[in-house]
PDB file of all heavy atoms in Angstrom:
ATOM      1  N   GLU A   1      -3.289  -8.199   0.489  1.00  0.00           N
ATOM      2  CA  GLU A   1      -1.958  -8.116   1.097  1.00  0.00           C
ATOM      3  C   GLU A   1      -1.756  -6.725   1.668  1.00  0.00           C
ATOM      4  O   GLU A   1      -2.072  -5.723   1.023  1.00  0.00           O
ATOM      5  CB  GLU A   1      -0.859  -8.409   0.068  1.00  0.00           C
ATOM      6  CG  GLU A   1      -0.951  -9.766  -0.597  1.00  0.00           C
ATOM      7  CD  GLU A   1      -1.553  -9.691  -1.976  1.00  0.00           C
ATOM      8  OE1 GLU A   1      -1.810  -8.576  -2.460  1.00  0.00           O
ATOM      9  OE2 GLU A   1      -1.771 -10.769  -2.573  1.00  0.00           O
ATOM     10  N   GLN A   2      -1.232  -6.676   2.891  1.00  0.00           N
ATOM     11  CA  GLN A   2      -0.934  -5.404   3.543  1.00  0.00           C
ATOM     12  C   GLN A   2       0.563  -5.380   3.883  1.00  0.00           C
ATOM     13  O   GLN A   2       1.059  -6.276   4.577  1.00  0.00           O
ATOM     14  CB  GLN A   2      -1.768  -5.241   4.812  1.00  0.00           C
ATOM     15  CG  GLN A   2      -3.265  -5.121   4.531  1.00  0.00           C
ATOM     16  CD  GLN A   2      -4.074  -5.191   5.816  1.00  0.00           C
ATOM     17  OE1 GLN A   2      -4.316  -6.272   6.345  1.00  0.00           O
ATOM     18  NE2 GLN A   2      -4.467  -4.029   6.307  1.00  0.00           N
ATOM     19  N   TYR A   3       1.260  -4.364   3.375  1.00  0.00           N
ATOM     20  CA  TYR A   3       2.697  -4.223   3.572  1.00  0.00           C
ATOM     21  C   TYR A   3       2.941  -3.056   4.538  1.00  0.00           C
ATOM     22  O   TYR A   3       2.510  -1.924   4.283  1.00  0.00           O
ATOM     23  CB  TYR A   3       3.387  -3.943   2.242  1.00  0.00           C
ATOM     24  CG  TYR A   3       3.230  -5.063   1.232  1.00  0.00           C
ATOM     25  CD1 TYR A   3       2.129  -5.118   0.388  1.00  0.00           C
ATOM     26  CD2 TYR A   3       4.192  -6.070   1.119  1.00  0.00           C
ATOM     27  CE1 TYR A   3       1.978  -6.139  -0.537  1.00  0.00           C
ATOM     28  CE2 TYR A   3       4.053  -7.099   0.198  1.00  0.00           C
ATOM     29  CZ  TYR A   3       2.951  -7.127  -0.619  1.00  0.00           C
ATOM     30  OH  TYR A   3       2.804  -8.135  -1.536  1.00  0.00           O
ATOM     31  N   TYR A   4       3.624  -3.343   5.647  1.00  0.00           N
ATOM     32  CA  TYR A   4       3.907  -2.327   6.660  1.00  0.00           C
ATOM     33  C   TYR A   4       5.346  -1.840   6.496  1.00  0.00           C
ATOM     34  O   TYR A   4       6.294  -2.641   6.455  1.00  0.00           O
ATOM     35  CB  TYR A   4       3.704  -2.896   8.060  1.00  0.00           C
ATOM     36  CG  TYR A   4       2.251  -3.176   8.393  1.00  0.00           C
ATOM     37  CD1 TYR A   4       1.652  -4.389   8.056  1.00  0.00           C
ATOM     38  CD2 TYR A   4       1.475  -2.214   9.034  1.00  0.00           C
ATOM     39  CE1 TYR A   4       0.322  -4.641   8.346  1.00  0.00           C
ATOM     40  CE2 TYR A   4       0.133  -2.448   9.338  1.00  0.00           C
ATOM     41  CZ  TYR A   4      -0.433  -3.667   8.988  1.00  0.00           C
ATOM     42  OH  TYR A   4      -1.758  -3.907   9.282  1.00  0.00           O
ATOM     43  N   VAL A   5       5.479  -0.530   6.421  1.00  0.00           N
ATOM     44  CA  VAL A   5       6.790   0.098   6.220  1.00  0.00           C
ATOM     45  C   VAL A   5       7.056   1.053   7.381  1.00  0.00           C
ATOM     46  O   VAL A   5       6.241   1.952   7.661  1.00  0.00           O
ATOM     47  CB  VAL A   5       6.846   0.872   4.884  1.00  0.00           C
ATOM     48  CG1 VAL A   5       8.216   1.518   4.709  1.00  0.00           C
ATOM     49  CG2 VAL A   5       6.518  -0.048   3.721  1.00  0.00           C
ATOM     50  N   LYS A   6       8.199   0.882   8.046  1.00  0.00           N
ATOM     51  CA  LYS A   6       8.560   1.787   9.132  1.00  0.00           C
ATOM     52  C   LYS A   6       9.070   3.106   8.555  1.00  0.00           C
ATOM     53  O   LYS A   6       9.832   3.127   7.581  1.00  0.00           O
ATOM     54  CB  LYS A   6       9.625   1.159  10.023  1.00  0.00           C
ATOM     55  CG  LYS A   6       9.884   1.973  11.300  1.00  0.00           C
ATOM     56  CD  LYS A   6      10.839   1.256  12.237  1.00  0.00           C
ATOM     57  CE  LYS A   6      10.992   2.052  13.529  1.00  0.00           C
ATOM     58  NZ  LYS A   6      11.911   1.395  14.482  1.00  0.00           N
ATOM     59  N   LEU A   7       8.645   4.231   9.195  1.00  0.00           N
ATOM     60  CA  LEU A   7       9.021   5.560   8.734  1.00  0.00           C
ATOM     61  C   LEU A   7      10.116   6.152   9.624  1.00  0.00           C
ATOM     62  O   LEU A   7      10.280   5.742  10.782  1.00  0.00           O
ATOM     63  CB  LEU A   7       7.800   6.475   8.743  1.00  0.00           C
ATOM     64  CG  LEU A   7       6.611   6.022   7.882  1.00  0.00           C
ATOM     65  CD1 LEU A   7       5.454   6.998   8.016  1.00  0.00           C
ATOM     66  CD2 LEU A   7       7.033   5.874   6.431  1.00  0.00           C
ATOM     67  N   PRO A   8      10.853   7.135   9.108  1.00  0.00           N
ATOM     68  CA  PRO A   8      11.895   7.778   9.921  1.00  0.00           C
ATOM     69  C   PRO A   8      11.338   8.463  11.159  1.00  0.00           C
ATOM     70  O   PRO A   8      11.991   8.497  12.206  1.00  0.00           O
ATOM     71  CB  PRO A   8      12.525   8.790   8.949  1.00  0.00           C
ATOM     72  CG  PRO A   8      12.223   8.256   7.601  1.00  0.00           C
ATOM     73  CD  PRO A   8      10.889   7.598   7.698  1.00  0.00           C
ATOM     74  N   LEU A   9      10.114   8.977  11.059  1.00  0.00           N
ATOM     75  CA  LEU A   9       9.503   9.628  12.203  1.00  0.00           C
ATOM     76  C   LEU A   9       9.216   8.593  13.285  1.00  0.00           C
ATOM     77  O   LEU A   9       8.707   7.501  13.004  1.00  0.00           O
ATOM     78  CB  LEU A   9       8.204  10.327  11.781  1.00  0.00           C
ATOM     79  CG  LEU A   9       7.535  11.223  12.822  1.00  0.00           C
ATOM     80  CD1 LEU A   9       8.430  12.398  13.167  1.00  0.00           C
ATOM     81  CD2 LEU A   9       6.190  11.714  12.291  1.00  0.00           C
ATOM     82  N   ALA A  10       9.577   8.933  14.547  1.00  0.00           N
ATOM     83  CA  ALA A  10       9.440   7.968  15.645  1.00  0.00           C
ATOM     84  C   ALA A  10       8.015   7.440  15.761  1.00  0.00           C
ATOM     85  O   ALA A  10       7.040   8.200  15.647  1.00  0.00           O
ATOM     86  CB  ALA A  10       9.860   8.634  16.961  1.00  0.00           C
ATOM     87  N   ASN A  11       7.907   6.131  16.003  1.00  0.00           N
ATOM     88  CA  ASN A  11       6.623   5.460  16.242  1.00  0.00           C
ATOM     89  C   ASN A  11       5.644   5.630  15.083  1.00  0.00           C
ATOM     90  O   ASN A  11       4.429   5.676  15.297  1.00  0.00           O
ATOM     91  CB  ASN A  11       5.982   5.959  17.543  1.00  0.00           C
ATOM     92  CG  ASN A  11       6.821   5.645  18.760  1.00  0.00           C
ATOM     93  OD1 ASN A  11       7.458   4.597  18.832  1.00  0.00           O
ATOM     94  ND2 ASN A  11       6.842   6.570  19.718  1.00  0.00           N
ATOM     95  N   SER A  12       6.136   5.725  13.878  1.00  0.00           N
ATOM     96  CA  SER A  12       5.256   5.929  12.722  1.00  0.00           C
ATOM     97  C   SER A  12       5.487   4.847  11.672  1.00  0.00           C
ATOM     98  O   SER A  12       6.639   4.453  11.419  1.00  0.00           O
ATOM     99  CB  SER A  12       5.506   7.316  12.101  1.00  0.00           C
ATOM    100  OG  SER A  12       5.169   8.332  13.018  1.00  0.00           O
ATOM    101  N   TRP A  13       4.382   4.403  11.068  1.00  0.00           N
ATOM    102  CA  TRP A  13       4.433   3.371  10.034  1.00  0.00           C
ATOM    103  C   TRP A  13       3.439   3.738   8.926  1.00  0.00           C
ATOM    104  O   TRP A  13       2.476   4.472   9.144  1.00  0.00           O
ATOM    105  CB  TRP A  13       4.040   2.005  10.613  1.00  0.00           C
ATOM    106  CG  TRP A  13       4.987   1.439  11.628  1.00  0.00           C
ATOM    107  CD1 TRP A  13       5.186   1.882  12.909  1.00  0.00           C
ATOM    108  CD2 TRP A  13       5.863   0.330  11.448  1.00  0.00           C
ATOM    109  NE1 TRP A  13       6.115   1.126  13.549  1.00  0.00           N
ATOM    110  CE2 TRP A  13       6.562   0.145  12.677  1.00  0.00           C
ATOM    111  CE3 TRP A  13       6.141  -0.536  10.392  1.00  0.00           C
ATOM    112  CZ2 TRP A  13       7.501  -0.859  12.862  1.00  0.00           C
ATOM    113  CZ3 TRP A  13       7.071  -1.545  10.572  1.00  0.00           C
ATOM    114  CH2 TRP A  13       7.749  -1.700  11.794  1.00  0.00           C
ATOM    115  N   THR A  14       3.694   3.184   7.759  1.00  0.00           N
ATOM    116  CA  THR A  14       2.746   3.270   6.647  1.00  0.00           C
ATOM    117  C   THR A  14       2.346   1.859   6.243  1.00  0.00           C
ATOM    118  O   THR A  14       3.186   0.949   6.219  1.00  0.00           O
ATOM    119  CB  THR A  14       3.362   4.000   5.436  1.00  0.00           C
ATOM    120  OG1 THR A  14       3.515   5.385   5.749  1.00  0.00           O
ATOM    121  CG2 THR A  14       2.461   3.884   4.203  1.00  0.00           C
ATOM    122  N   VAL A  15       1.070   1.686   5.931  1.00  0.00           N
ATOM    123  CA  VAL A  15       0.592   0.397   5.445  1.00  0.00           C
ATOM    124  C   VAL A  15       0.069   0.577   4.023  1.00  0.00           C
ATOM    125  O   VAL A  15      -0.687   1.511   3.736  1.00  0.00           O
ATOM    126  CB  VAL A  15      -0.498  -0.202   6.367  1.00  0.00           C
ATOM    127  CG1 VAL A  15      -1.685   0.733   6.526  1.00  0.00           C
ATOM    128  CG2 VAL A  15      -0.954  -1.564   5.835  1.00  0.00           C
ATOM    129  N   HIS A  16       0.525  -0.273   3.115  1.00  0.00           N
ATOM    130  CA  HIS A  16       0.080  -0.284   1.716  1.00  0.00           C
ATOM    131  C   HIS A  16      -0.808  -1.520   1.527  1.00  0.00           C
ATOM    132  O   HIS A  16      -0.399  -2.641   1.833  1.00  0.00           O
ATOM    133  CB  HIS A  16       1.267  -0.372   0.759  1.00  0.00           C
ATOM    134  CG  HIS A  16       2.246   0.759   0.915  1.00  0.00           C
ATOM    135  ND1 HIS A  16       2.224   1.868   0.107  1.00  0.00           N
ATOM    136  CD2 HIS A  16       3.270   0.940   1.800  1.00  0.00           C
ATOM    137  CE1 HIS A  16       3.197   2.691   0.465  1.00  0.00           C
ATOM    138  NE2 HIS A  16       3.856   2.152   1.491  1.00  0.00           N
ATOM    139  N   THR A  17      -2.020  -1.328   1.013  1.00  0.00           N
ATOM    140  CA  THR A  17      -2.984  -2.424   0.864  1.00  0.00           C
ATOM    141  C   THR A  17      -3.236  -2.732  -0.609  1.00  0.00           C
ATOM    142  O   THR A  17      -3.512  -1.826  -1.403  1.00  0.00           O
ATOM    143  CB  THR A  17      -4.320  -2.061   1.555  1.00  0.00           C
ATOM    144  OG1 THR A  17      -4.066  -1.824   2.947  1.00  0.00           O
ATOM    145  CG2 THR A  17      -5.325  -3.193   1.418  1.00  0.00           C
ATOM    146  N   PHE A  18      -3.123  -4.011  -0.957  1.00  0.00           N
ATOM    147  CA  PHE A  18      -3.366  -4.496  -2.323  1.00  0.00           C
ATOM    148  C   PHE A  18      -4.383  -5.646  -2.263  1.00  0.00           C
ATOM    149  O   PHE A  18      -4.502  -6.334  -1.248  1.00  0.00           O
ATOM    150  CB  PHE A  18      -2.074  -5.020  -2.963  1.00  0.00           C
ATOM    151  CG  PHE A  18      -1.005  -3.975  -3.141  1.00  0.00           C
ATOM    152  CD1 PHE A  18      -0.173  -3.617  -2.092  1.00  0.00           C
ATOM    153  CD2 PHE A  18      -0.846  -3.354  -4.363  1.00  0.00           C
ATOM    154  CE1 PHE A  18       0.816  -2.665  -2.261  1.00  0.00           C
ATOM    155  CE2 PHE A  18       0.146  -2.396  -4.542  1.00  0.00           C
ATOM    156  CZ  PHE A  18       0.974  -2.046  -3.487  1.00  0.00           C
ATOM    157  N   ILE A  19      -5.076  -5.841  -3.350  1.00  0.00           N
ATOM    158  CA  ILE A  19      -5.942  -7.016  -3.496  1.00  0.00           C
ATOM    159  C   ILE A  19      -5.618  -7.666  -4.833  1.00  0.00           C
ATOM    160  O   ILE A  19      -5.643  -7.000  -5.880  1.00  0.00           O
ATOM    161  CB  ILE A  19      -7.433  -6.653  -3.408  1.00  0.00           C
ATOM    162  CG1 ILE A  19      -7.761  -6.146  -1.999  1.00  0.00           C
ATOM    163  CG2 ILE A  19      -8.300  -7.870  -3.744  1.00  0.00           C
ATOM    164  CD1 ILE A  19      -9.218  -5.800  -1.785  1.00  0.00           C
ATOM    165  N   ASP A  20      -5.298  -8.950  -4.766  1.00  0.00           N
ATOM    166  CA  ASP A  20      -4.862  -9.690  -5.950  1.00  0.00           C
ATOM    167  C   ASP A  20      -3.651  -9.013  -6.598  1.00  0.00           C
ATOM    168  O   ASP A  20      -3.479  -9.042  -7.826  1.00  0.00           O
ATOM    169  CB  ASP A  20      -5.990  -9.832  -6.974  1.00  0.00           C
ATOM    170  CG  ASP A  20      -7.122 -10.717  -6.465  1.00  0.00           C
ATOM    171  OD1 ASP A  20      -6.843 -11.555  -5.590  1.00  0.00           O
ATOM    172  OD2 ASP A  20      -8.260 -10.556  -6.939  1.00  0.00           O
ATOM    173  N   GLY A  21      -2.805  -8.387  -5.773  1.00  0.00           N
ATOM    174  CA  GLY A  21      -1.601  -7.753  -6.283  1.00  0.00           C
ATOM    175  C   GLY A  21      -1.827  -6.446  -6.999  1.00  0.00           C
ATOM    176  O   GLY A  21      -0.896  -5.895  -7.597  1.00  0.00           O
ATOM    177  N   ARG A  22      -3.069  -5.935  -6.955  1.00  0.00           N
ATOM    178  CA  ARG A  22      -3.390  -4.692  -7.647  1.00  0.00           C
ATOM    179  C   ARG A  22      -4.014  -3.708  -6.661  1.00  0.00           C
ATOM    180  O   ARG A  22      -4.343  -4.043  -5.532  1.00  0.00           O
ATOM    181  CB  ARG A  22      -4.371  -4.955  -8.811  1.00  0.00           C
ATOM    182  CG  ARG A  22      -3.980  -6.101  -9.717  1.00  0.00           C
ATOM    183  CD  ARG A  22      -2.671  -5.875 -10.408  1.00  0.00           C
ATOM    184  NE  ARG A  22      -2.742  -4.762 -11.360  1.00  0.00           N
ATOM    185  CZ  ARG A  22      -1.729  -4.339 -12.095  1.00  0.00           C
ATOM    186  NH1 ARG A  22      -0.560  -4.945 -12.005  1.00  0.00           N
ATOM    187  NH2 ARG A  22      -1.860  -3.329 -12.932  1.00  0.00           N
ATOM    188  N   SER A  23      -4.202  -2.489  -7.144  1.00  0.00           N
ATOM    189  CA  SER A  23      -4.846  -1.476  -6.314  1.00  0.00           C
ATOM    190  C   SER A  23      -6.314  -1.835  -6.115  1.00  0.00           C
ATOM    191  O   SER A  23      -7.014  -2.134  -7.094  1.00  0.00           O
ATOM    192  CB  SER A  23      -4.753  -0.106  -6.982  1.00  0.00           C
ATOM    193  OG  SER A  23      -5.607   0.819  -6.335  1.00  0.00           O
ATOM    194  N   PRO A  24      -6.828  -1.825  -4.887  1.00  0.00           N
ATOM    195  CA  PRO A  24      -8.256  -2.118  -4.675  1.00  0.00           C
ATOM    196  C   PRO A  24      -9.167  -1.140  -5.394  1.00  0.00           C
ATOM    197  O   PRO A  24     -10.282  -1.479  -5.768  1.00  0.00           O
ATOM    198  CB  PRO A  24      -8.410  -2.013  -3.162  1.00  0.00           C
ATOM    199  CG  PRO A  24      -7.048  -2.214  -2.608  1.00  0.00           C
ATOM    200  CD  PRO A  24      -6.123  -1.620  -3.615  1.00  0.00           C
ATOM    201  N   ALA A  25      -8.683   0.097  -5.588  1.00  0.00           N
ATOM    202  CA  ALA A  25      -9.522   1.098  -6.236  1.00  0.00           C
ATOM    203  C   ALA A  25      -9.545   0.949  -7.750  1.00  0.00           C
ATOM    204  O   ALA A  25     -10.548   1.233  -8.393  1.00  0.00           O
ATOM    205  CB  ALA A  25      -9.041   2.505  -5.865  1.00  0.00           C
ATOM    206  N   ASP A  26      -8.432   0.485  -8.347  1.00  0.00           N
ATOM    207  CA  ASP A  26      -8.355   0.397  -9.793  1.00  0.00           C
ATOM    208  C   ASP A  26      -7.371  -0.696 -10.198  1.00  0.00           C
ATOM    209  O   ASP A  26      -6.173  -0.464 -10.331  1.00  0.00           O
ATOM    210  CB  ASP A  26      -7.908   1.736 -10.384  1.00  0.00           C
ATOM    211  CG  ASP A  26      -7.994   1.733 -11.906  1.00  0.00           C
ATOM    212  OD1 ASP A  26      -8.396   0.693 -12.481  1.00  0.00           O
ATOM    213  OD2 ASP A  26      -7.663   2.769 -12.504  1.00  0.00           O
ATOM    214  N   PRO A  27      -7.857  -1.919 -10.389  1.00  0.00           N
ATOM    215  CA  PRO A  27      -6.960  -3.025 -10.721  1.00  0.00           C
ATOM    216  C   PRO A  27      -6.318  -2.898 -12.089  1.00  0.00           C
ATOM    217  O   PRO A  27      -5.375  -3.618 -12.407  1.00  0.00           O
ATOM    218  CB  PRO A  27      -7.868  -4.252 -10.654  1.00  0.00           C
ATOM    219  CG  PRO A  27      -9.230  -3.723 -10.913  1.00  0.00           C
ATOM    220  CD  PRO A  27      -9.269  -2.355 -10.314  1.00  0.00           C
ATOM    221  N   VAL A  28      -6.790  -1.976 -12.930  1.00  0.00           N
ATOM    222  CA  VAL A  28      -6.226  -1.819 -14.261  1.00  0.00           C
ATOM    223  C   VAL A  28      -4.962  -0.972 -14.214  1.00  0.00           C
ATOM    224  O   VAL A  28      -4.131  -1.018 -15.108  1.00  0.00           O
ATOM    225  CB  VAL A  28      -7.264  -1.184 -15.215  1.00  0.00           C
ATOM    226  CG1 VAL A  28      -6.714  -1.051 -16.635  1.00  0.00           C
ATOM    227  CG2 VAL A  28      -8.534  -2.019 -15.224  1.00  0.00           C
ATOM    228  N   GLN A  29      -4.814  -0.210 -13.155  1.00  0.00           N
ATOM    229  CA  GLN A  29      -3.717   0.748 -13.068  1.00  0.00           C
ATOM    230  C   GLN A  29      -2.358   0.074 -13.234  1.00  0.00           C
ATOM    231  O   GLN A  29      -2.081  -0.963 -12.647  1.00  0.00           O
ATOM    232  CB  GLN A  29      -3.794   1.467 -11.711  1.00  0.00           C
ATOM    233  CG  GLN A  29      -2.828   2.631 -11.573  1.00  0.00           C
ATOM    234  CD  GLN A  29      -3.017   3.321 -10.228  1.00  0.00           C
ATOM    235  OE1 GLN A  29      -3.495   2.729  -9.290  1.00  0.00           O
ATOM    236  NE2 GLN A  29      -2.633   4.598 -10.164  1.00  0.00           N
ATOM    237  N   GLN A  30      -1.510   0.666 -14.040  1.00  0.00           N
ATOM    238  CA  GLN A  30      -0.151   0.167 -14.282  1.00  0.00           C
ATOM    239  C   GLN A  30       0.860   1.285 -13.976  1.00  0.00           C
ATOM    240  O   GLN A  30       0.713   2.401 -14.483  1.00  0.00           O
ATOM    241  CB  GLN A  30       0.009  -0.273 -15.738  1.00  0.00           C
ATOM    242  CG  GLN A  30      -0.892  -1.414 -16.151  1.00  0.00           C
ATOM    243  CD  GLN A  30      -0.387  -2.758 -15.656  1.00  0.00           C
ATOM    244  OE1 GLN A  30       0.740  -2.855 -15.149  1.00  0.00           O
ATOM    245  NE2 GLN A  30      -1.197  -3.783 -15.798  1.00  0.00           N
ATOM    246  N   PRO A  31       1.887   1.064 -13.190  1.00  0.00           N
ATOM    247  CA  PRO A  31       2.080  -0.126 -12.362  1.00  0.00           C
ATOM    248  C   PRO A  31       1.143  -0.090 -11.155  1.00  0.00           C
ATOM    249  O   PRO A  31       0.569   0.951 -10.858  1.00  0.00           O
ATOM    250  CB  PRO A  31       3.550   0.014 -11.924  1.00  0.00           C
ATOM    251  CG  PRO A  31       3.760   1.486 -11.863  1.00  0.00           C
ATOM    252  CD  PRO A  31       2.963   2.060 -13.026  1.00  0.00           C
ATOM    253  N   PRO A  32       0.983  -1.189 -10.460  1.00  0.00           N
ATOM    254  CA  PRO A  32       0.047  -1.200  -9.333  1.00  0.00           C
ATOM    255  C   PRO A  32       0.484  -0.285  -8.203  1.00  0.00           C
ATOM    256  O   PRO A  32       1.647  -0.271  -7.816  1.00  0.00           O
ATOM    257  CB  PRO A  32       0.043  -2.663  -8.883  1.00  0.00           C
ATOM    258  CG  PRO A  32       1.355  -3.193  -9.342  1.00  0.00           C
ATOM    259  CD  PRO A  32       1.648  -2.495 -10.627  1.00  0.00           C
ATOM    260  N   VAL A  33      -0.470   0.475  -7.722  1.00  0.00           N
ATOM    261  CA  VAL A  33      -0.215   1.346  -6.575  1.00  0.00           C
ATOM    262  C   VAL A  33      -1.276   1.045  -5.526  1.00  0.00           C
ATOM    263  O   VAL A  33      -2.474   1.201  -5.786  1.00  0.00           O
ATOM    264  CB  VAL A  33      -0.273   2.834  -6.965  1.00  0.00           C
ATOM    265  CG1 VAL A  33      -0.080   3.714  -5.735  1.00  0.00           C
ATOM    266  CG2 VAL A  33       0.778   3.147  -8.011  1.00  0.00           C
ATOM    267  N   GLY A  34      -0.880   0.589  -4.378  1.00  0.00           N
ATOM    268  CA  GLY A  34      -1.837   0.238  -3.335  1.00  0.00           C
ATOM    269  C   GLY A  34      -2.376   1.453  -2.612  1.00  0.00           C
ATOM    270  O   GLY A  34      -1.909   2.582  -2.779  1.00  0.00           O
ATOM    271  N   LEU A  35      -3.399   1.215  -1.786  1.00  0.00           N
ATOM    272  CA  LEU A  35      -3.953   2.268  -0.950  1.00  0.00           C
ATOM    273  C   LEU A  35      -3.089   2.421   0.297  1.00  0.00           C
ATOM    274  O   LEU A  35      -2.688   1.432   0.904  1.00  0.00           O
ATOM    275  CB  LEU A  35      -5.393   1.931  -0.558  1.00  0.00           C
ATOM    276  CG  LEU A  35      -6.388   1.783  -1.710  1.00  0.00           C
ATOM    277  CD1 LEU A  35      -7.785   1.559  -1.148  1.00  0.00           C
ATOM    278  CD2 LEU A  35      -6.372   2.988  -2.613  1.00  0.00           C
ATOM    279  N   LYS A  36      -2.832   3.684   0.662  1.00  0.00           N
ATOM    280  CA  LYS A  36      -1.942   3.951   1.784  1.00  0.00           C
ATOM    281  C   LYS A  36      -2.718   4.461   2.987  1.00  0.00           C
ATOM    282  O   LYS A  36      -3.766   5.087   2.854  1.00  0.00           O
ATOM    283  CB  LYS A  36      -0.881   4.995   1.385  1.00  0.00           C
ATOM    284  CG  LYS A  36       0.091   4.537   0.329  1.00  0.00           C
ATOM    285  CD  LYS A  36       1.005   5.679  -0.093  1.00  0.00           C
ATOM    286  CE  LYS A  36       1.799   6.211   1.084  1.00  0.00           C
ATOM    287  NZ  LYS A  36       2.744   7.284   0.671  1.00  0.00           N
ATOM    288  N   ALA A  37      -2.156   4.166   4.173  1.00  0.00           N
ATOM    289  CA  ALA A  37      -2.654   4.731   5.425  1.00  0.00           C
ATOM    290  C   ALA A  37      -1.470   4.830   6.372  1.00  0.00           C
ATOM    291  O   ALA A  37      -0.552   3.995   6.328  1.00  0.00           O
ATOM    292  CB  ALA A  37      -3.758   3.867   6.022  1.00  0.00           C
TER     293      ALA A  37
END
C-alpha cells in the first residue's frame, strides 16, 4: 500500500509505503512506520 500525502510546500507530496500493513524494512516494528519518499 502506498499512501500519498500533499505537503504545504507547493507541488510537493510524500508517499508512505507499507507491505502487509507493516514497514517493508521491519515488519516487527510497533507501531508500523512505512518507508517515506
